[in-house]
C-alpha atoms as a PDB file:
ATOM      1  CA  UNK A   1      93.861 108.005  89.961  1.00  0.00           C
ATOM      2  CA  UNK A   2      92.396 107.421  93.276  1.00  0.00           C
ATOM      3  CA  UNK A   3      93.012 109.229  96.977  1.00  0.00           C
ATOM      4  CA  UNK A   4      92.951 106.773 100.012  1.00  0.00           C
ATOM      5  CA  UNK A   5      92.715 108.690 103.261  1.00  0.00           C
ATOM      6  CA  UNK A   6      95.081 108.865 106.113  1.00  0.00           C
ATOM      7  CA  UNK A   7      92.195 108.481 109.303  1.00  0.00           C
ATOM      8  CA  UNK A   8      95.070 107.546 111.878  1.00  0.00           C
ATOM      9  CA  UNK A   9      96.092 111.057 111.656  1.00  0.00           C
ATOM     10  CA  UNK A  10      96.698 113.304 114.454  1.00  0.00           C
ATOM     11  CA  UNK A  11      97.164 116.882 113.720  1.00  0.00           C
ATOM     12  CA  UNK A  12      97.419 117.054 117.628  1.00  0.00           C
ATOM     13  CA  UNK A  13     100.315 115.357 117.782  1.00  0.00           C
ATOM     14  CA  UNK A  14     103.876 116.505 117.687  1.00  0.00           C
ATOM     15  CA  UNK A  15     105.365 115.149 114.915  1.00  0.00           C
ATOM     16  CA  UNK A  16     104.687 111.723 114.031  1.00  0.00           C
ATOM     17  CA  UNK A  17     106.010 109.014 112.031  1.00  0.00           C
ATOM     18  CA  UNK A  18     104.089 107.952 109.587  1.00  0.00           C
ATOM     19  CA  UNK A  19     104.004 104.718 107.853  1.00  0.00           C
ATOM     20  CA  UNK A  20     101.593 102.913 105.163  1.00  0.00           C
ATOM     21  CA  UNK A  21     101.748  99.705 104.306  1.00  0.00           C
ATOM     22  CA  UNK A  22      99.857  97.044 102.198  1.00  0.00           C
ATOM     23  CA  UNK A  23      98.462  94.369 102.543  1.00  0.00           C
ATOM     24  CA  UNK A  24      97.904  91.791  99.693  1.00  0.00           C
ATOM     25  CA  UNK A  25      96.724  87.638 100.547  1.00  0.00           C
ATOM     26  CA  UNK A  26      99.953  86.572 103.327  1.00  0.00           C
ATOM     27  CA  UNK A  27     101.786  89.204 102.244  1.00  0.00           C
ATOM     28  CA  UNK A  28     102.741  92.888 103.928  1.00  0.00           C
ATOM     29  CA  UNK A  29     104.402  95.021 102.245  1.00  0.00           C
ATOM     30  CA  UNK A  30     105.463  98.688 103.520  1.00  0.00           C
ATOM     31  CA  UNK A  31     105.810 100.974 101.211  1.00  0.00           C
ATOM     32  CA  UNK A  32     106.212 104.339 103.328  1.00  0.00           C
ATOM     33  CA  UNK A  33     109.240 105.130 105.872  1.00  0.00           C
ATOM     34  CA  UNK A  34     111.296 106.576 107.135  1.00  0.00           C
ATOM     35  CA  UNK A  35     109.569 109.591 105.462  1.00  0.00           C
ATOM     36  CA  UNK A  36     110.144 108.519 102.079  1.00  0.00           C
ATOM     37  CA  UNK A  37     108.147 105.746  99.563  1.00  0.00           C
ATOM     38  CA  UNK A  38     110.222 102.900  98.228  1.00  0.00           C
ATOM     39  CA  UNK A  39     111.039 102.140  94.358  1.00  0.00           C
ATOM     40  CA  UNK A  40     108.020 100.557  93.121  1.00  0.00           C
ATOM     41  CA  UNK A  41     105.636 103.163  94.444  1.00  0.00           C
ATOM     42  CA  UNK A  42     108.003 106.471  93.642  1.00  0.00           C
ATOM     43  CA  UNK A  43     106.361 107.141  90.678  1.00  0.00           C
ATOM     44  CA  UNK A  44     103.634 107.388  91.557  1.00  0.00           C
ATOM     45  CA  UNK A  45     102.426 107.514  94.864  1.00  0.00           C
ATOM     46  CA  UNK A  46     102.755 111.429  96.318  1.00  0.00           C
ATOM     47  CA  UNK A  47     102.363 111.147 100.158  1.00  0.00           C
ATOM     48  CA  UNK A  48     100.347 113.713 101.923  1.00  0.00           C
ATOM     49  CA  UNK A  49     100.414 113.446 106.035  1.00  0.00           C
ATOM     50  CA  UNK A  50      96.001 112.662 105.693  1.00  0.00           C
ATOM     51  CA  UNK A  51      96.139 110.918 102.622  1.00  0.00           C
ATOM     52  CA  UNK A  52      98.349 108.988  99.211  1.00  0.00           C
ATOM     53  CA  UNK A  53      97.906 109.926  96.230  1.00  0.00           C
ATOM     54  CA  UNK A  54      98.310 107.264  93.407  1.00  0.00           C
ATOM     55  CA  UNK A  55      98.235 108.752  89.359  1.00  0.00           C
ATOM     56  CA  UNK A  56      97.258 105.473  88.412  1.00  0.00           C
ATOM     57  CA  UNK A  57      96.197 102.082  89.793  1.00  0.00           C
ATOM     58  CA  UNK A  58      95.651  98.761  88.573  1.00  0.00           C
ATOM     59  CA  UNK A  59      93.946  95.455  89.923  1.00  0.00           C
ATOM     60  CA  UNK A  60      98.073  94.687  91.610  1.00  0.00           C
ATOM     61  CA  UNK A  61      96.281  98.118  93.836  1.00  0.00           C
ATOM     62  CA  UNK A  62      93.749  95.774  95.186  1.00  0.00           C
ATOM     63  CA  UNK A  63      94.007  95.202  98.589  1.00  0.00           C
ATOM     64  CA  UNK A  64      93.883  96.325 101.988  1.00  0.00           C
ATOM     65  CA  UNK A  65      95.736  99.706 103.092  1.00  0.00           C
ATOM     66  CA  UNK A  66      97.211 100.225 106.669  1.00  0.00           C
ATOM     67  CA  UNK A  67      97.953 103.933 107.650  1.00  0.00           C
ATOM     68  CA  UNK A  68      99.962 104.052 110.912  1.00  0.00           C
ATOM     69  CA  UNK A  69     100.853 107.335 112.882  1.00  0.00           C
ATOM     70  CA  UNK A  70     102.853 107.122 115.921  1.00  0.00           C
ATOM     71  CA  UNK A  71     103.501 109.298 118.283  1.00  0.00           C
ATOM     72  CA  UNK A  72     106.554 110.689 119.874  1.00  0.00           C
ATOM     73  CA  UNK A  73     105.085 109.686 123.397  1.00  0.00           C
ATOM     74  CA  UNK A  74     104.530 106.075 121.503  1.00  0.00           C
ATOM     75  CA  UNK A  75     100.753 106.648 120.767  1.00  0.00           C
ATOM     76  CA  UNK A  76      99.846 105.147 118.008  1.00  0.00           C
ATOM     77  CA  UNK A  77      96.900 105.377 115.692  1.00  0.00           C
ATOM     78  CA  UNK A  78      95.695 103.029 112.652  1.00  0.00           C
ATOM     79  CA  UNK A  79      93.472 103.241 109.890  1.00  0.00           C
ATOM     80  CA  UNK A  80      93.321  99.878 107.047  1.00  0.00           C
ATOM     81  CA  UNK A  81      90.664 100.766 103.816  1.00  0.00           C
ATOM     82  CA  UNK A  82      90.087  98.137 101.663  1.00  0.00           C
ATOM     83  CA  UNK A  83      90.659  98.778  97.767  1.00  0.00           C
ATOM     84  CA  UNK A  84      89.079  97.495  94.930  1.00  0.00           C
ATOM     85  CA  UNK A  85      89.848  97.931  91.510  1.00  0.00           C
ATOM     86  CA  UNK A  86      87.791  96.244  89.153  1.00  0.00           C
ATOM     87  CA  UNK A  87      88.779  95.533  85.180  1.00  0.00           C
ATOM     88  CA  UNK A  88      88.663  98.680  82.674  1.00  0.00           C
ATOM     89  CA  UNK A  89      85.399 100.304  83.687  1.00  0.00           C
ATOM     90  CA  UNK A  90      84.642 104.074  83.065  1.00  0.00           C
ATOM     91  CA  UNK A  91      85.403 106.816  85.706  1.00  0.00           C
ATOM     92  CA  UNK A  92      83.574 107.642  88.428  1.00  0.00           C
ATOM     93  CA  UNK A  93      83.195 104.606  88.650  1.00  0.00           C
ATOM     94  CA  UNK A  94      85.834 102.258  90.214  1.00  0.00           C
ATOM     95  CA  UNK A  95      87.943 102.703  91.445  1.00  0.00           C
ATOM     96  CA  UNK A  96      86.095 101.642  94.842  1.00  0.00           C
ATOM     97  CA  UNK A  97      87.362 102.655  98.098  1.00  0.00           C
ATOM     98  CA  UNK A  98      85.514 101.258 100.828  1.00  0.00           C
ATOM     99  CA  UNK A  99      86.126 102.342 104.826  1.00  0.00           C
END
């Protein structure tokens, strides 16, 4: 399991809208928007405003996770986390999350 923090989240903003994107190479996947996880992630990801929690990760999940927060006064904040999932290795050695 792994947690990816959303450093962009501001509790002071009114009703912020949060979107999560996953970037791998040139492809960008929007996987959390309109308060819902998209299908491939629904069974293994839990959402909270400050982080997403993966119950399981594979090498396919290696890539950049982008959290975008939009306030109701058009403020925008963004944070990125690179996730590197190694091959089979004993916890807590992996996965390795770096800011």
